[in-house]
Amino acid sequence: MENKNIIKKYLEENNYNFNDKSNGINIDTNNNEVLIKGNTNDLIELADYILSIALSQNNNDHIHLDDLTIIDNNSKIKELIIEKDNN
């Protein structure tokens, strides 16, 4: 599954200024909570991945997010899999 960058392209077309350098998403757990932390660019990129999978026409399409995509090397959680459920 490829990131279509729909949100980022829209923001660029509307002259949104990306000041933050992408540092990567940091994911942590605490009891029954999941904390996803990132700067503006990181969160926009995560939103783009989620939107790309949501708009996919393929059943059970999924994406693996890790240190090769947007997860910070120091993140407690090293991989996040997002899957579209078509039920």
C-alpha atoms as a PDB file:
ATOM      1  CA  MET A   1       0.000   0.000   0.000  1.00  0.00           C
ATOM      2  CA  GLU A   2       1.483   3.278  -1.090  1.00  0.00           C
ATOM      3  CA  ASN A   3       1.049   6.603   0.702  1.00  0.00           C
ATOM      4  CA  LYS A   4      -0.840   8.873  -1.720  1.00  0.00           C
ATOM      5  CA  ASN A   5       0.082  12.061   0.239  1.00  0.00           C
ATOM      6  CA  ILE A   6      -3.413  13.473  -0.392  1.00  0.00           C
ATOM      7  CA  ILE A   7      -3.403  15.712   2.679  1.00  0.00           C
ATOM      8  CA  LYS A   8       0.165  16.946   2.191  1.00  0.00           C
ATOM      9  CA  LYS A   9      -0.489  17.763  -1.490  1.00  0.00           C
ATOM     10  CA  TYR A  10      -3.690  19.615  -0.546  1.00  0.00           C
ATOM     11  CA  LEU A  11      -1.865  21.647   2.106  1.00  0.00           C
ATOM     12  CA  GLU A  12       0.994  22.464  -0.284  1.00  0.00           C
ATOM     13  CA  GLU A  13      -1.493  23.618  -2.948  1.00  0.00           C
ATOM     14  CA  ASN A  14      -3.011  25.935  -0.333  1.00  0.00           C
ATOM     15  CA  ASN A  15       0.392  27.343   0.645  1.00  0.00           C
ATOM     16  CA  TYR A  16       0.680  25.633   4.025  1.00  0.00           C
ATOM     17  CA  ASN A  17       4.210  26.215   5.326  1.00  0.00           C
ATOM     18  CA  PHE A  18       5.880  23.020   6.560  1.00  0.00           C
ATOM     19  CA  ASN A  19       8.336  24.332   9.147  1.00  0.00           C
ATOM     20  CA  ASP A  20       8.921  21.121  11.063  1.00  0.00           C
ATOM     21  CA  LYS A  21      11.491  18.573   9.961  1.00  0.00           C
ATOM     22  CA  SER A  22      10.034  15.069  10.140  1.00  0.00           C
ATOM     23  CA  ASN A  23      11.454  13.277  13.174  1.00  0.00           C
ATOM     24  CA  GLY A  24       9.318  10.151  13.034  1.00  0.00           C
ATOM     25  CA  ILE A  25       6.355   8.998  15.054  1.00  0.00           C
ATOM     26  CA  ASN A  26       7.006   7.740  18.568  1.00  0.00           C
ATOM     27  CA  ILE A  27       4.553   5.086  19.801  1.00  0.00           C
ATOM     28  CA  ASP A  28       4.320   4.040  23.433  1.00  0.00           C
ATOM     29  CA  THR A  29       1.918   2.059  25.600  1.00  0.00           C
ATOM     30  CA  ASN A  30       0.823   2.646  29.165  1.00  0.00           C
ATOM     31  CA  ASN A  31      -1.621   0.167  30.682  1.00  0.00           C
ATOM     32  CA  ASN A  32      -4.571   0.192  28.263  1.00  0.00           C
ATOM     33  CA  GLU A  33      -3.501   3.335  26.402  1.00  0.00           C
ATOM     34  CA  VAL A  34      -1.512   3.893  23.233  1.00  0.00           C
ATOM     35  CA  LEU A  35       0.314   7.202  22.829  1.00  0.00           C
ATOM     36  CA  ILE A  36       1.223   8.299  19.297  1.00  0.00           C
ATOM     37  CA  LYS A  37       3.474  11.336  19.353  1.00  0.00           C
ATOM     38  CA  GLY A  38       4.951  13.356  16.507  1.00  0.00           C
ATOM     39  CA  ASN A  39       5.473  16.866  15.208  1.00  0.00           C
ATOM     40  CA  THR A  40       3.212  18.532  12.635  1.00  0.00           C
ATOM     41  CA  ASN A  41       4.838  16.908   9.596  1.00  0.00           C
ATOM     42  CA  ASP A  42       4.912  13.477  11.249  1.00  0.00           C
ATOM     43  CA  LEU A  43       1.209  13.620  12.127  1.00  0.00           C
ATOM     44  CA  ILE A  44       0.270  14.869   8.641  1.00  0.00           C
ATOM     45  CA  GLU A  45       2.210  11.960   7.139  1.00  0.00           C
ATOM     46  CA  LEU A  46       0.456   9.494   9.480  1.00  0.00           C
ATOM     47  CA  ALA A  47      -2.903  11.013   8.499  1.00  0.00           C
ATOM     48  CA  ASP A  48      -1.955  10.555   4.831  1.00  0.00           C
ATOM     49  CA  TYR A  49      -1.197   6.870   5.402  1.00  0.00           C
ATOM     50  CA  ILE A  50      -4.530   6.394   7.185  1.00  0.00           C
ATOM     51  CA  LEU A  51      -6.441   8.245   4.452  1.00  0.00           C
ATOM     52  CA  SER A  52      -4.679   6.227   1.738  1.00  0.00           C
ATOM     53  CA  ILE A  53      -5.727   2.945   3.343  1.00  0.00           C
ATOM     54  CA  ALA A  54      -9.254   4.232   4.000  1.00  0.00           C
ATOM     55  CA  LEU A  55      -9.730   5.139   0.329  1.00  0.00           C
ATOM     56  CA  SER A  56      -8.260   1.869  -0.954  1.00  0.00           C
ATOM     57  CA  GLN A  57     -10.597  -0.241  -3.069  1.00  0.00           C
ATOM     58  CA  ASN A  58      -8.874  -3.490  -2.090  1.00  0.00           C
ATOM     59  CA  ASN A  59     -10.345  -5.815   0.524  1.00  0.00           C
ATOM     60  CA  ASN A  60      -8.244  -6.148   3.664  1.00  0.00           C
ATOM     61  CA  ASP A  61      -5.564  -3.814   2.317  1.00  0.00           C
ATOM     62  CA  HIS A  62      -2.982  -2.943   4.949  1.00  0.00           C
ATOM     63  CA  ILE A  63       0.182  -0.982   5.524  1.00  0.00           C
ATOM     64  CA  HIS A  64       3.215  -1.646   7.703  1.00  0.00           C
ATOM     65  CA  LEU A  65       4.683   1.439   9.341  1.00  0.00           C
ATOM     66  CA  ASP A  66       8.172   1.031  10.787  1.00  0.00           C
ATOM     67  CA  ASP A  67      11.542   2.787  10.973  1.00  0.00           C
ATOM     68  CA  LEU A  68      11.809   2.602   7.175  1.00  0.00           C
ATOM     69  CA  THR A  69       8.626   4.678   6.837  1.00  0.00           C
ATOM     70  CA  ILE A  70       7.673   7.034   9.674  1.00  0.00           C
ATOM     71  CA  ILE A  71       8.340   5.394  13.040  1.00  0.00           C
ATOM     72  CA  ASP A  72      11.231   6.870  15.032  1.00  0.00           C
ATOM     73  CA  ASN A  73      14.113   4.493  15.782  1.00  0.00           C
ATOM     74  CA  ASN A  74      13.681   5.205  19.513  1.00  0.00           C
ATOM     75  CA  SER A  75       9.986   4.321  19.547  1.00  0.00           C
ATOM     76  CA  LYS A  76       8.975   1.648  22.060  1.00  0.00           C
ATOM     77  CA  ILE A  77       6.659   0.129  19.425  1.00  0.00           C
ATOM     78  CA  LYS A  78       8.758  -0.648  16.331  1.00  0.00           C
ATOM     79  CA  GLU A  79       5.988  -1.549  13.892  1.00  0.00           C
ATOM     80  CA  LEU A  80       2.387  -0.490  13.410  1.00  0.00           C
ATOM     81  CA  ILE A  81       0.096  -2.354  11.020  1.00  0.00           C
ATOM     82  CA  ILE A  82      -3.066  -0.597   9.858  1.00  0.00           C
ATOM     83  CA  GLU A  83      -5.603  -2.758   8.043  1.00  0.00           C
ATOM     84  CA  LYS A  84      -8.821  -1.828   6.285  1.00  0.00           C
ATOM     85  CA  ASP A  85     -11.786  -3.918   7.391  1.00  0.00           C
ATOM     86  CA  ASN A  86     -14.400  -4.115   4.671  1.00  0.00           C
ATOM     87  CA  ASN A  87     -17.096  -5.694   6.831  1.00  0.00           C
END
